[in-house]
Every structure is written in structure tokens, then in C-alpha cells.
């Protein structure tokens, strides 16, 4: 597969997963009706931010794929964190399991850290491109916990 196709596929996988989860949870999203903590962004920013993060995630994975640096450990952590990420939205918005969602997002934070280290060990840029994702996930953890306590 040529390099451009690898990048397109690598970007489309997380973006499509995000879009599917967004569609599944769209009727359950109650963010604007919740008591929110300081620094909580307006709801309309979330799809924009997540799209950017999914694109960066795909580019990062595409770098490794194009350089033949993807192995079973890389695939395992990458797809596991994608699944954990997707399930968080369902737990938080559809089921309204706010405390469980906080524990779940901490798992996601840990998986992202592991992924960053594994990616960075293969290719520095691939690892560094995941840092905005980690920062956002940690911030989302704060929002999740604060929403649990405020509501």
C-alpha cells in the first residue's frame, strides 16, 4: 500500500470510530444540562477537538505503519485505547455511569501513556503527536470527576 493510502486509512479508522460513537451517543448527550466545573468548555468544541485528536492519532499511527515499525504490541495498545476511548462515551452519556466513567477514563489515561512510550520508542514524532491526546484525556478526566460530584 502506498504511503498516502496508509495515512488515509490510519486517519479514517479513529475518525470513523469517533463518528460512529458520536452518532450512537448523540441523543443521550446531556453535557449542556449538567452542572459543570470551572474551565469546562462549551459543548460545541468537543467534536472539533476530538476530530483534531483523532487525525493526529491517525497520523502518528501512519508514521509507524509507513516505516514498518508496527508490531503486535503497537497494534494491541493502539486498538485497545481506541476501544476504551469509544466505550467511555457510551458509559458516560448513554448509561450516565459518571463514577464508573471516571475510573474508565483513568484506564484510558494510563493506556495513552503506555502508547506514547511505545510509539516514541519506535519513532519520536509518532510518540510526540500523541501528547495533545493525553493532555485532553487528563483534562476530560477532571471534567468527568467534577461533573460526577456536581451532579
N, C-alpha and C. Protein backbone atom coordinates (compact mmCIF):
# COMPACT_ATOMS: atom_id res chain seq x y z
N UNK A 1 0.86 -1.17 0.00
CA UNK A 1 0.00 0.00 0.00
C UNK A 1 0.91 1.24 0.00
N UNK A 2 0.60 2.21 -0.86
CA UNK A 2 1.48 3.37 -0.89
C UNK A 2 1.27 4.24 0.35
N UNK A 3 2.22 5.14 0.57
CA UNK A 3 2.25 5.92 1.82
C UNK A 3 0.99 6.76 2.03
N UNK A 4 0.47 7.35 0.98
CA UNK A 4 -0.72 8.20 1.14
C UNK A 4 -1.92 7.35 1.56
N UNK A 5 -2.06 6.18 0.97
CA UNK A 5 -3.17 5.30 1.35
C UNK A 5 -3.04 4.85 2.79
N UNK A 6 -1.82 4.59 3.23
CA UNK A 6 -1.59 4.19 4.63
C UNK A 6 -2.05 5.31 5.56
N UNK A 7 -1.67 6.55 5.24
CA UNK A 7 -2.09 7.68 6.08
C UNK A 7 -3.60 7.88 6.06
N UNK A 8 -4.20 7.77 4.88
CA UNK A 8 -5.66 7.94 4.79
C UNK A 8 -6.36 6.89 5.64
N UNK A 9 -5.96 5.63 5.49
CA UNK A 9 -6.58 4.56 6.29
C UNK A 9 -6.32 4.78 7.77
N UNK A 10 -5.10 5.15 8.12
CA UNK A 10 -4.74 5.36 9.52
C UNK A 10 -5.53 6.50 10.15
N UNK A 11 -5.82 7.51 9.38
CA UNK A 11 -6.61 8.64 9.88
C UNK A 11 -8.10 8.28 9.93
N UNK A 12 -8.57 7.59 8.90
CA UNK A 12 -10.00 7.28 8.83
C UNK A 12 -10.46 6.34 9.94
N UNK A 13 -9.61 5.40 10.35
CA UNK A 13 -10.04 4.45 11.38
C UNK A 13 -10.48 5.17 12.66
N UNK A 14 -9.63 5.99 13.31
CA UNK A 14 -10.12 6.66 14.53
C UNK A 14 -11.22 7.68 14.27
N UNK A 15 -11.16 8.38 13.13
CA UNK A 15 -12.19 9.37 12.83
C UNK A 15 -13.55 8.69 12.65
N UNK A 16 -13.58 7.57 11.95
CA UNK A 16 -14.85 6.85 11.74
C UNK A 16 -15.36 6.27 13.05
N UNK A 17 -14.46 5.70 13.86
CA UNK A 17 -14.88 5.19 15.17
C UNK A 17 -15.49 6.33 15.99
N UNK A 18 -14.82 7.47 16.01
CA UNK A 18 -15.34 8.63 16.74
C UNK A 18 -16.69 9.07 16.21
N UNK A 19 -16.85 9.06 14.90
CA UNK A 19 -18.13 9.47 14.30
C UNK A 19 -19.24 8.48 14.66
N UNK A 20 -18.93 7.20 14.63
CA UNK A 20 -19.94 6.19 14.98
C UNK A 20 -20.36 6.35 16.43
N UNK A 21 -19.39 6.52 17.32
CA UNK A 21 -19.72 6.71 18.74
C UNK A 21 -20.50 8.01 18.94
N UNK A 22 -20.11 9.05 18.21
CA UNK A 22 -20.85 10.31 18.28
C UNK A 22 -22.30 10.12 17.85
N UNK A 23 -22.51 9.35 16.81
CA UNK A 23 -23.87 9.07 16.34
C UNK A 23 -24.65 8.27 17.38
N UNK A 24 -24.00 7.24 17.93
CA UNK A 24 -24.66 6.37 18.92
C UNK A 24 -25.07 7.17 20.17
N UNK A 25 -24.20 8.07 20.61
CA UNK A 25 -24.46 8.79 21.86
C UNK A 25 -25.17 10.12 21.66
N UNK A 26 -25.36 10.56 20.44
CA UNK A 26 -25.86 11.92 20.20
C UNK A 26 -27.19 12.21 20.89
N UNK A 27 -28.07 11.26 20.94
CA UNK A 27 -29.36 11.51 21.57
C UNK A 27 -29.29 11.47 23.09
N UNK A 28 -28.18 11.01 23.64
CA UNK A 28 -28.03 10.89 25.09
C UNK A 28 -27.16 11.98 25.71
N UNK A 29 -26.51 12.76 24.87
CA UNK A 29 -25.55 13.74 25.39
C UNK A 29 -26.31 14.83 26.14
N UNK A 30 -25.99 14.93 27.43
CA UNK A 30 -26.66 15.89 28.31
C UNK A 30 -25.68 16.92 28.88
N UNK A 31 -24.53 17.06 28.24
CA UNK A 31 -23.46 17.92 28.75
C UNK A 31 -23.94 19.34 29.06
N UNK A 32 -24.71 19.92 28.16
CA UNK A 32 -25.16 21.31 28.36
C UNK A 32 -26.18 21.46 29.49
N UNK A 33 -26.77 20.35 29.93
CA UNK A 33 -27.73 20.40 31.03
C UNK A 33 -27.11 20.09 32.39
N UNK A 34 -25.84 19.77 32.40
CA UNK A 34 -25.16 19.39 33.64
C UNK A 34 -24.53 20.60 34.31
N UNK A 35 -24.39 20.51 35.63
CA UNK A 35 -23.58 21.49 36.35
C UNK A 35 -22.13 21.18 35.97
N UNK A 36 -21.41 22.19 35.51
CA UNK A 36 -20.04 21.97 35.03
C UNK A 36 -19.05 22.74 35.88
N UNK A 37 -17.85 22.23 35.97
CA UNK A 37 -16.82 22.87 36.79
C UNK A 37 -16.18 24.05 36.06
N UNK A 38 -15.39 24.82 36.80
CA UNK A 38 -14.61 25.87 36.14
C UNK A 38 -13.75 25.26 35.02
N UNK A 39 -13.52 26.02 34.00
CA UNK A 39 -12.73 25.63 32.83
C UNK A 39 -13.46 24.70 31.87
N UNK A 40 -14.70 24.34 32.17
CA UNK A 40 -15.44 23.46 31.27
C UNK A 40 -15.71 24.20 29.95
N UNK A 41 -15.28 23.62 28.85
CA UNK A 41 -15.51 24.28 27.56
C UNK A 41 -16.96 24.12 27.11
N UNK A 42 -17.40 24.96 26.19
CA UNK A 42 -18.76 24.80 25.65
C UNK A 42 -18.85 23.49 24.86
N UNK A 43 -20.02 22.90 24.86
CA UNK A 43 -20.22 21.61 24.23
C UNK A 43 -19.85 21.54 22.76
N UNK A 44 -20.01 22.63 22.02
CA UNK A 44 -19.74 22.60 20.59
C UNK A 44 -18.26 22.38 20.27
N UNK A 45 -17.37 22.60 21.24
CA UNK A 45 -15.94 22.41 20.99
C UNK A 45 -15.52 20.94 20.97
N UNK A 46 -16.26 20.08 21.64
CA UNK A 46 -15.85 18.68 21.76
C UNK A 46 -15.68 17.97 20.42
N UNK A 47 -16.64 18.05 19.50
CA UNK A 47 -16.43 17.36 18.21
C UNK A 47 -15.24 17.91 17.43
N UNK A 48 -15.00 19.20 17.55
CA UNK A 48 -13.86 19.81 16.85
C UNK A 48 -12.56 19.28 17.44
N UNK A 49 -12.45 19.33 18.76
CA UNK A 49 -11.23 18.88 19.42
C UNK A 49 -11.00 17.40 19.18
N UNK A 50 -12.04 16.59 19.32
CA UNK A 50 -11.86 15.15 19.11
C UNK A 50 -11.48 14.83 17.68
N UNK A 51 -12.01 15.53 16.72
CA UNK A 51 -11.63 15.30 15.32
C UNK A 51 -10.14 15.58 15.12
N UNK A 52 -9.68 16.69 15.65
CA UNK A 52 -8.25 17.02 15.55
C UNK A 52 -7.40 15.93 16.22
N UNK A 53 -7.81 15.51 17.41
CA UNK A 53 -7.05 14.48 18.12
C UNK A 53 -7.07 13.16 17.36
N UNK A 54 -8.19 12.78 16.78
CA UNK A 54 -8.25 11.54 16.01
C UNK A 54 -7.37 11.62 14.76
N UNK A 55 -7.32 12.78 14.14
CA UNK A 55 -6.44 12.95 12.97
C UNK A 55 -4.98 12.83 13.40
N UNK A 56 -4.60 13.48 14.49
CA UNK A 56 -3.22 13.36 14.99
C UNK A 56 -2.90 11.91 15.35
N UNK A 57 -3.86 11.24 15.97
CA UNK A 57 -3.69 9.83 16.32
C UNK A 57 -3.43 9.01 15.06
N UNK A 58 -4.21 9.25 14.03
CA UNK A 58 -4.05 8.52 12.78
C UNK A 58 -2.73 8.82 12.09
N UNK A 59 -2.33 10.07 12.10
CA UNK A 59 -1.03 10.43 11.50
C UNK A 59 0.09 9.72 12.25
N UNK A 60 0.02 9.74 13.57
CA UNK A 60 1.03 9.10 14.40
C UNK A 60 1.14 7.61 14.08
N UNK A 61 0.00 6.94 14.02
CA UNK A 61 0.00 5.51 13.69
C UNK A 61 0.48 5.30 12.26
N UNK A 62 0.08 6.19 11.35
CA UNK A 62 0.50 6.11 9.95
C UNK A 62 2.01 6.23 9.80
N UNK A 63 2.63 7.06 10.60
CA UNK A 63 4.10 7.18 10.57
C UNK A 63 4.74 5.82 10.86
N UNK A 64 4.25 5.19 11.92
CA UNK A 64 4.80 3.88 12.29
C UNK A 64 4.52 2.85 11.20
N UNK A 65 3.31 2.87 10.66
CA UNK A 65 2.93 1.91 9.63
C UNK A 65 3.79 2.09 8.38
N UNK A 66 4.01 3.34 7.97
CA UNK A 66 4.80 3.62 6.78
C UNK A 66 6.27 3.25 6.94
N UNK A 67 6.76 3.25 8.15
CA UNK A 67 8.16 2.90 8.40
C UNK A 67 8.31 1.44 8.83
N UNK A 68 7.22 0.67 8.69
CA UNK A 68 7.22 -0.75 9.08
C UNK A 68 7.65 -0.95 10.53
N UNK A 69 7.17 -0.07 11.41
CA UNK A 69 7.50 -0.14 12.82
C UNK A 69 6.35 -0.66 13.67
N UNK A 70 5.26 -1.04 13.03
CA UNK A 70 4.10 -1.55 13.75
C UNK A 70 4.32 -3.04 14.03
N UNK A 71 4.18 -3.38 15.28
CA UNK A 71 4.27 -4.78 15.68
C UNK A 71 3.03 -5.13 16.52
N UNK A 72 2.99 -6.32 17.05
CA UNK A 72 1.82 -6.75 17.81
C UNK A 72 1.58 -5.88 19.04
N UNK A 73 2.64 -5.46 19.72
CA UNK A 73 2.49 -4.61 20.92
C UNK A 73 1.93 -3.25 20.54
N UNK A 74 2.41 -2.67 19.45
CA UNK A 74 1.89 -1.37 19.00
C UNK A 74 0.41 -1.51 18.64
N UNK A 75 0.08 -2.52 17.84
CA UNK A 75 -1.32 -2.72 17.46
C UNK A 75 -2.20 -2.95 18.68
N UNK A 76 -1.74 -3.74 19.62
CA UNK A 76 -2.55 -4.05 20.80
C UNK A 76 -2.88 -2.80 21.59
N UNK A 77 -1.88 -2.00 21.90
CA UNK A 77 -2.12 -0.80 22.72
C UNK A 77 -2.93 0.22 21.93
N UNK A 78 -2.66 0.35 20.65
CA UNK A 78 -3.37 1.34 19.84
C UNK A 78 -4.87 1.02 19.76
N UNK A 79 -5.18 -0.22 19.40
CA UNK A 79 -6.59 -0.56 19.25
C UNK A 79 -7.30 -0.72 20.59
N UNK A 80 -6.57 -1.13 21.62
CA UNK A 80 -7.17 -1.20 22.95
C UNK A 80 -7.57 0.19 23.44
N UNK A 81 -6.68 1.16 23.31
CA UNK A 81 -7.03 2.51 23.78
C UNK A 81 -8.15 3.10 22.94
N UNK A 82 -8.22 2.76 21.65
CA UNK A 82 -9.34 3.23 20.83
C UNK A 82 -10.66 2.66 21.34
N UNK A 83 -10.65 1.39 21.70
CA UNK A 83 -11.87 0.75 22.22
C UNK A 83 -12.27 1.35 23.57
N UNK A 84 -11.29 1.53 24.45
CA UNK A 84 -11.58 2.12 25.76
C UNK A 84 -12.11 3.54 25.59
N UNK A 85 -11.52 4.28 24.69
CA UNK A 85 -11.97 5.64 24.40
C UNK A 85 -13.43 5.62 23.93
N UNK A 86 -13.75 4.76 22.99
CA UNK A 86 -15.11 4.69 22.44
C UNK A 86 -16.12 4.31 23.52
N UNK A 87 -15.77 3.34 24.34
CA UNK A 87 -16.69 2.89 25.38
C UNK A 87 -16.93 3.96 26.45
N UNK A 88 -15.95 4.81 26.69
CA UNK A 88 -16.13 5.86 27.70
C UNK A 88 -17.37 6.71 27.38
N UNK A 89 -17.51 7.11 26.14
CA UNK A 89 -18.65 7.96 25.76
C UNK A 89 -19.98 7.26 26.02
N UNK A 90 -20.02 5.98 25.74
CA UNK A 90 -21.25 5.22 25.97
C UNK A 90 -21.54 5.14 27.46
N UNK A 91 -20.51 4.84 28.26
CA UNK A 91 -20.70 4.76 29.71
C UNK A 91 -21.14 6.10 30.29
N UNK A 92 -20.48 7.18 29.86
CA UNK A 92 -20.74 8.50 30.43
C UNK A 92 -22.06 9.09 29.96
N UNK A 93 -22.32 9.05 28.66
CA UNK A 93 -23.50 9.73 28.13
C UNK A 93 -24.73 8.83 28.03
N UNK A 94 -24.57 7.64 27.53
CA UNK A 94 -25.74 6.78 27.33
C UNK A 94 -26.21 6.17 28.64
N UNK A 95 -25.28 5.59 29.40
CA UNK A 95 -25.66 4.92 30.65
C UNK A 95 -25.64 5.85 31.86
N UNK A 96 -25.00 7.02 31.71
CA UNK A 96 -24.90 8.01 32.80
C UNK A 96 -24.15 7.45 34.02
N UNK A 97 -23.21 6.55 33.77
CA UNK A 97 -22.40 5.96 34.84
C UNK A 97 -21.21 6.89 35.08
N UNK A 98 -21.43 7.99 35.75
CA UNK A 98 -20.41 9.04 35.89
C UNK A 98 -19.19 8.58 36.70
N UNK A 99 -19.40 7.92 37.83
CA UNK A 99 -18.25 7.48 38.63
C UNK A 99 -17.50 6.35 37.91
N UNK A 100 -18.23 5.38 37.39
CA UNK A 100 -17.58 4.31 36.62
C UNK A 100 -16.82 4.90 35.44
N UNK A 101 -17.40 5.90 34.79
CA UNK A 101 -16.74 6.54 33.65
C UNK A 101 -15.43 7.20 34.07
N UNK A 102 -15.40 7.75 35.27
CA UNK A 102 -14.15 8.35 35.75
C UNK A 102 -13.08 7.27 35.92
N UNK A 103 -13.43 6.15 36.50
CA UNK A 103 -12.46 5.05 36.65
C UNK A 103 -12.02 4.57 35.27
N UNK A 104 -12.96 4.49 34.35
CA UNK A 104 -12.67 4.05 32.99
C UNK A 104 -11.73 5.01 32.27
N UNK A 105 -11.94 6.31 32.46
CA UNK A 105 -11.09 7.28 31.77
C UNK A 105 -9.68 7.31 32.37
N UNK A 106 -9.55 6.95 33.64
CA UNK A 106 -8.21 6.81 34.22
C UNK A 106 -7.48 5.65 33.53
N UNK A 107 -8.22 4.58 33.27
CA UNK A 107 -7.65 3.47 32.49
C UNK A 107 -7.19 3.98 31.12
N UNK A 108 -8.02 4.79 30.49
CA UNK A 108 -7.65 5.36 29.19
C UNK A 108 -6.39 6.20 29.31
N UNK A 109 -6.30 7.04 30.34
CA UNK A 109 -5.10 7.86 30.54
C UNK A 109 -3.85 7.00 30.62
N UNK A 110 -3.94 5.91 31.37
CA UNK A 110 -2.79 5.00 31.53
C UNK A 110 -2.44 4.37 30.18
N UNK A 111 -3.44 3.92 29.45
CA UNK A 111 -3.20 3.32 28.14
C UNK A 111 -2.55 4.32 27.18
N UNK A 112 -2.97 5.56 27.23
CA UNK A 112 -2.39 6.59 26.36
C UNK A 112 -0.91 6.80 26.71
N UNK A 113 -0.60 6.83 28.00
CA UNK A 113 0.81 6.99 28.42
C UNK A 113 1.63 5.82 27.88
N UNK A 114 1.14 4.61 28.05
CA UNK A 114 1.85 3.43 27.54
C UNK A 114 2.03 3.54 26.03
N UNK A 115 0.95 3.95 25.34
CA UNK A 115 1.02 4.09 23.89
C UNK A 115 2.06 5.13 23.49
N UNK A 116 2.10 6.25 24.18
CA UNK A 116 3.08 7.29 23.87
C UNK A 116 4.50 6.73 24.00
N UNK A 117 4.77 6.04 25.08
CA UNK A 117 6.11 5.48 25.27
C UNK A 117 6.45 4.46 24.19
N UNK A 118 5.51 3.60 23.86
CA UNK A 118 5.77 2.60 22.82
C UNK A 118 5.97 3.25 21.45
N UNK A 119 5.13 4.22 21.14
CA UNK A 119 5.27 4.92 19.86
C UNK A 119 6.60 5.69 19.84
N UNK A 120 6.90 6.40 20.93
CA UNK A 120 8.12 7.21 21.00
C UNK A 120 9.36 6.34 20.84
N UNK A 121 9.34 5.14 21.41
CA UNK A 121 10.48 4.23 21.28
C UNK A 121 10.70 3.77 19.85
N UNK A 122 9.65 3.78 19.06
CA UNK A 122 9.77 3.40 17.64
C UNK A 122 10.09 4.60 16.76
N UNK A 123 9.44 5.74 17.08
CA UNK A 123 9.64 6.96 16.30
C UNK A 123 9.23 8.14 17.17
N UNK A 124 10.16 9.05 17.39
CA UNK A 124 9.92 10.17 18.31
C UNK A 124 8.70 11.00 17.91
N UNK A 125 8.58 11.34 16.64
CA UNK A 125 7.45 12.16 16.20
C UNK A 125 6.12 11.44 16.42
N UNK A 126 6.08 10.15 16.16
CA UNK A 126 4.85 9.38 16.37
C UNK A 126 4.43 9.44 17.84
N UNK A 127 5.38 9.39 18.74
CA UNK A 127 5.06 9.50 20.16
C UNK A 127 4.63 10.90 20.54
N UNK A 128 5.34 11.89 20.05
CA UNK A 128 5.05 13.28 20.41
C UNK A 128 3.68 13.73 19.90
N UNK A 129 3.25 13.20 18.77
CA UNK A 129 1.94 13.58 18.22
C UNK A 129 0.78 13.11 19.10
N UNK A 130 1.05 12.19 20.02
CA UNK A 130 0.01 11.69 20.92
C UNK A 130 -0.12 12.54 22.20
N UNK A 131 0.82 13.43 22.44
CA UNK A 131 0.78 14.22 23.67
C UNK A 131 -0.47 15.10 23.79
N UNK A 132 -0.92 15.77 22.71
CA UNK A 132 -2.19 16.52 22.85
C UNK A 132 -3.36 15.63 23.27
N UNK A 133 -3.38 14.41 22.80
CA UNK A 133 -4.41 13.44 23.18
C UNK A 133 -4.35 13.16 24.68
N UNK A 134 -3.16 12.93 25.18
CA UNK A 134 -3.00 12.69 26.62
C UNK A 134 -3.46 13.90 27.43
N UNK A 135 -3.03 15.08 27.02
CA UNK A 135 -3.42 16.29 27.75
C UNK A 135 -4.95 16.46 27.77
N UNK A 136 -5.58 16.22 26.64
CA UNK A 136 -7.03 16.35 26.58
C UNK A 136 -7.71 15.28 27.42
N UNK A 137 -7.18 14.05 27.38
CA UNK A 137 -7.78 12.97 28.17
C UNK A 137 -7.67 13.25 29.67
N UNK A 138 -6.54 13.80 30.09
CA UNK A 138 -6.39 14.16 31.51
C UNK A 138 -7.37 15.27 31.87
N UNK A 139 -7.51 16.25 30.99
CA UNK A 139 -8.48 17.32 31.21
C UNK A 139 -9.91 16.75 31.25
N UNK A 140 -10.20 15.82 30.35
CA UNK A 140 -11.52 15.17 30.34
C UNK A 140 -11.74 14.39 31.64
N UNK A 141 -10.68 13.85 32.20
CA UNK A 141 -10.78 13.14 33.48
C UNK A 141 -11.22 14.10 34.58
N UNK A 142 -10.61 15.28 34.58
CA UNK A 142 -11.01 16.33 35.54
C UNK A 142 -12.49 16.68 35.36
N UNK A 143 -12.90 16.89 34.10
CA UNK A 143 -14.30 17.23 33.84
C UNK A 143 -15.23 16.12 34.30
N UNK A 144 -14.87 14.89 34.01
CA UNK A 144 -15.68 13.74 34.38
C UNK A 144 -15.87 13.68 35.90
N UNK A 145 -14.78 13.78 36.64
CA UNK A 145 -14.88 13.70 38.10
C UNK A 145 -15.67 14.87 38.67
N UNK A 146 -15.41 16.06 38.16
CA UNK A 146 -16.13 17.24 38.65
C UNK A 146 -17.62 17.14 38.33
N UNK A 147 -17.96 16.66 37.16
CA UNK A 147 -19.38 16.51 36.81
C UNK A 147 -20.02 15.47 37.71
N UNK A 148 -19.30 14.42 38.03
CA UNK A 148 -19.84 13.41 38.95
C UNK A 148 -20.19 14.07 40.29
N UNK A 149 -19.26 14.85 40.85
CA UNK A 149 -19.50 15.47 42.16
C UNK A 149 -20.56 16.58 42.12
N UNK A 150 -20.61 17.33 41.02
CA UNK A 150 -21.55 18.44 40.92
C UNK A 150 -22.98 18.01 40.60
N UNK A 151 -23.12 16.82 40.09
CA UNK A 151 -24.44 16.36 39.67
C UNK A 151 -24.88 15.15 40.44
